[in-house]
Amino acid sequence: VAFDPLCELTKRLIDDTVVYFSLDTLEYLQRGGRIGRATALAGGLLQIKPILTFDRKDGMISTAAKVRGRRGVQQRLIELATELAAKHPGEEYNLVVCDGNVPEEGAALEAALTRALPNAHRVLHPGRTPGAEPAWRWGAVPEQQAAGVTWPAKQFKK
């Protein structure tokens, strides 16, 4: 496989992919210096769960939303994906769900996303979608939930 076409495909995938994810604990953000000890303590006591995303231009992580409790995370992930899809009417897209080793919650998120976004070309759920698992095993934090949306879906058609 030639290197230049692979680089071009990778750039398109980065430009056309939006990822939202949430960590069940603020510990990793605090350890990494992204938030202070007091913020981590208060957020933990109040059960604040940030929903994070990557800036597609510089790769930096930013906060897309903050919710209280694990149930709030799934609902807000669905809302964010739905809002994003609404900005691209008539375009095909793919959805990706990562369950962070909590398969019941991943299955519930996948089902809810599929109901909310019935026009998705394909829904991938690593660990449940054949062939998708190895790409997501590289460092999943336990109990991390994530939803991703990619455009255009055509580039993934067989």
Protein backbone atom coordinates (compact mmCIF):
# COMPACT_ATOMS: atom_id res chain seq x y z
CA VAL A 1 0.00 0.00 0.00
CA ALA A 2 1.37 3.40 -0.97
CA PHE A 3 2.07 5.77 1.92
CA ASP A 4 0.64 9.02 0.44
CA PRO A 5 -2.93 7.70 -0.08
CA LEU A 6 -2.86 6.32 3.46
CA CYS A 7 -1.82 9.73 4.81
CA GLU A 8 -4.61 11.42 2.82
CA LEU A 9 -7.22 8.96 4.13
CA THR A 10 -5.99 9.48 7.70
CA LYS A 11 -6.27 13.27 7.32
CA ARG A 12 -9.82 12.94 5.94
CA LEU A 13 -10.79 10.64 8.81
CA ILE A 14 -9.48 13.14 11.37
CA ASP A 15 -11.24 16.04 9.63
CA ASP A 16 -14.51 14.11 9.35
CA THR A 17 -14.66 12.53 12.81
CA VAL A 18 -16.10 13.99 15.99
CA VAL A 19 -15.59 12.11 19.25
CA TYR A 20 -17.32 12.78 22.56
CA PHE A 21 -16.23 10.83 25.62
CA SER A 22 -16.64 10.85 29.36
CA LEU A 23 -14.60 9.46 32.22
CA ASP A 24 -16.35 7.99 35.23
CA THR A 25 -13.78 9.50 37.56
CA LEU A 26 -11.98 12.83 37.52
CA GLU A 27 -8.87 11.15 38.93
CA TYR A 28 -7.13 10.84 35.54
CA LEU A 29 -7.79 14.47 34.66
CA GLN A 30 -6.40 15.56 38.02
CA ARG A 31 -3.34 13.29 37.75
CA GLY A 32 -2.62 14.63 34.27
CA GLY A 33 -2.76 18.21 35.47
CA ARG A 34 -5.87 19.13 33.48
CA ILE A 35 -7.83 19.98 36.63
CA GLY A 36 -6.77 20.83 40.18
CA ARG A 37 -7.17 18.69 43.28
CA ALA A 38 -10.02 20.86 44.66
CA THR A 39 -11.93 20.66 41.36
CA ALA A 40 -11.50 16.88 41.26
CA LEU A 41 -12.69 16.56 44.87
CA ALA A 42 -15.73 18.82 44.39
CA GLY A 43 -16.60 17.22 41.05
CA GLY A 44 -16.36 13.76 42.59
CA LEU A 45 -18.59 14.66 45.52
CA LEU A 46 -21.19 16.27 43.22
CA GLN A 47 -20.90 13.43 40.68
CA ILE A 48 -19.97 15.89 37.89
CA LYS A 49 -19.03 14.05 34.70
CA PRO A 50 -17.40 16.13 31.98
CA ILE A 51 -18.04 15.15 28.38
CA LEU A 52 -14.87 15.83 26.47
CA THR A 53 -14.00 16.15 22.80
CA PHE A 54 -10.91 16.59 20.65
CA ASP A 55 -10.29 19.79 18.73
CA ARG A 56 -9.81 18.49 15.20
CA LYS A 57 -7.31 21.23 14.30
CA ASP A 58 -4.81 20.88 17.13
CA GLY A 59 -5.87 17.62 18.83
CA MET A 60 -6.32 19.29 22.21
CA ILE A 61 -9.02 17.99 24.54
CA SER A 62 -11.80 20.40 25.50
CA THR A 63 -15.01 20.19 27.50
CA ALA A 64 -18.15 19.81 25.39
CA ALA A 65 -20.55 19.55 28.35
CA LYS A 66 -20.81 18.76 32.05
CA VAL A 67 -23.53 16.58 33.54
CA ARG A 68 -24.36 15.04 36.88
CA GLY A 69 -24.32 11.27 37.19
CA ARG A 70 -23.71 8.41 34.77
CA ARG A 71 -27.24 8.45 33.38
CA GLY A 72 -26.80 12.07 32.43
CA VAL A 73 -23.70 11.18 30.42
CA GLN A 74 -25.54 8.86 28.06
CA GLN A 75 -28.40 11.30 27.54
CA ARG A 76 -26.02 14.18 26.79
CA LEU A 77 -23.89 12.03 24.44
CA ILE A 78 -27.06 11.26 22.48
CA GLU A 79 -28.05 14.94 22.41
CA LEU A 80 -24.59 15.99 21.19
CA ALA A 81 -24.57 13.37 18.42
CA THR A 82 -28.11 14.32 17.39
CA GLU A 83 -27.23 18.04 17.31
CA LEU A 84 -24.18 17.25 15.19
CA ALA A 85 -26.14 15.11 12.74
CA ALA A 86 -28.77 17.87 12.41
CA LYS A 87 -26.04 20.21 11.14
CA HIS A 88 -25.46 17.82 8.19
CA PRO A 89 -28.95 17.10 6.81
CA GLY A 90 -29.06 14.46 4.12
CA GLU A 91 -25.44 13.38 4.64
CA GLU A 92 -24.58 9.81 5.55
CA TYR A 93 -22.63 9.21 8.72
CA ASN A 94 -21.34 6.40 10.90
CA LEU A 95 -21.66 6.09 14.67
CA VAL A 96 -19.10 4.49 16.97
CA VAL A 97 -19.82 3.48 20.56
CA CYS A 98 -17.13 2.57 23.09
CA ASP A 99 -18.29 1.05 26.37
CA GLY A 100 -15.09 1.07 28.47
CA ASN A 101 -15.63 -2.53 29.58
CA VAL A 102 -19.20 -1.92 30.77
CA PRO A 103 -21.00 -3.81 27.99
CA GLU A 104 -24.51 -3.32 29.39
CA GLU A 105 -24.15 0.46 29.31
CA GLY A 106 -22.52 0.30 25.88
CA ALA A 107 -25.41 -1.76 24.53
CA ALA A 108 -27.91 0.71 26.02
CA LEU A 109 -26.03 3.66 24.49
CA GLU A 110 -25.85 1.91 21.13
CA ALA A 111 -29.60 1.18 21.19
CA ALA A 112 -30.46 4.74 22.24
CA LEU A 113 -28.21 6.26 19.57
CA THR A 114 -29.70 3.98 16.93
CA ARG A 115 -33.21 5.10 17.95
CA ALA A 116 -32.23 8.79 18.02
CA LEU A 117 -30.26 8.62 14.75
CA PRO A 118 -31.96 5.98 12.58
CA ASN A 119 -30.27 7.24 9.41
CA ALA A 120 -26.76 6.22 10.46
CA HIS A 121 -25.09 4.25 7.71
CA ARG A 122 -23.31 1.98 10.15
CA VAL A 123 -23.06 1.66 13.92
CA LEU A 124 -19.77 0.24 15.18
CA HIS A 125 -19.45 -0.98 18.73
CA PRO A 126 -15.92 -2.27 19.39
CA GLY A 127 -16.15 -5.54 21.20
CA ARG A 128 -19.54 -6.22 19.62
CA THR A 129 -18.88 -5.31 15.97
CA PRO A 130 -16.78 -8.03 14.30
CA GLY A 131 -13.36 -6.67 13.32
CA ALA A 132 -13.77 -3.37 15.18
CA GLU A 133 -12.40 -4.37 18.57
CA PRO A 134 -8.62 -4.20 18.01
CA ALA A 135 -8.69 -0.53 17.01
CA TRP A 136 -10.15 0.47 20.38
CA ARG A 137 -8.26 -1.79 22.78
CA TRP A 138 -5.22 0.51 22.87
CA GLY A 139 -5.97 2.26 26.11
CA ALA A 140 -9.59 2.29 27.08
CA VAL A 141 -10.01 3.57 30.60
CA PRO A 142 -12.42 1.34 32.55
CA GLU A 143 -15.96 2.70 32.62
CA GLN A 144 -15.28 5.31 29.96
CA GLN A 145 -18.20 5.91 27.64
CA ALA A 146 -17.75 7.37 24.19
CA ALA A 147 -19.74 8.13 21.08
CA GLY A 148 -18.25 9.19 17.78
CA VAL A 149 -19.72 10.39 14.51
CA THR A 150 -17.86 10.24 11.19
CA TRP A 151 -18.62 11.85 7.82
CA PRO A 152 -18.87 10.93 5.01
CA ALA A 153 -20.01 7.37 5.43
CA LYS A 154 -19.22 6.66 1.77
CA GLN A 155 -15.52 6.24 2.49
CA PHE A 156 -16.34 3.23 4.69
CA LYS A 157 -18.60 1.41 2.24
CA LYS A 158 -17.40 -1.89 0.90
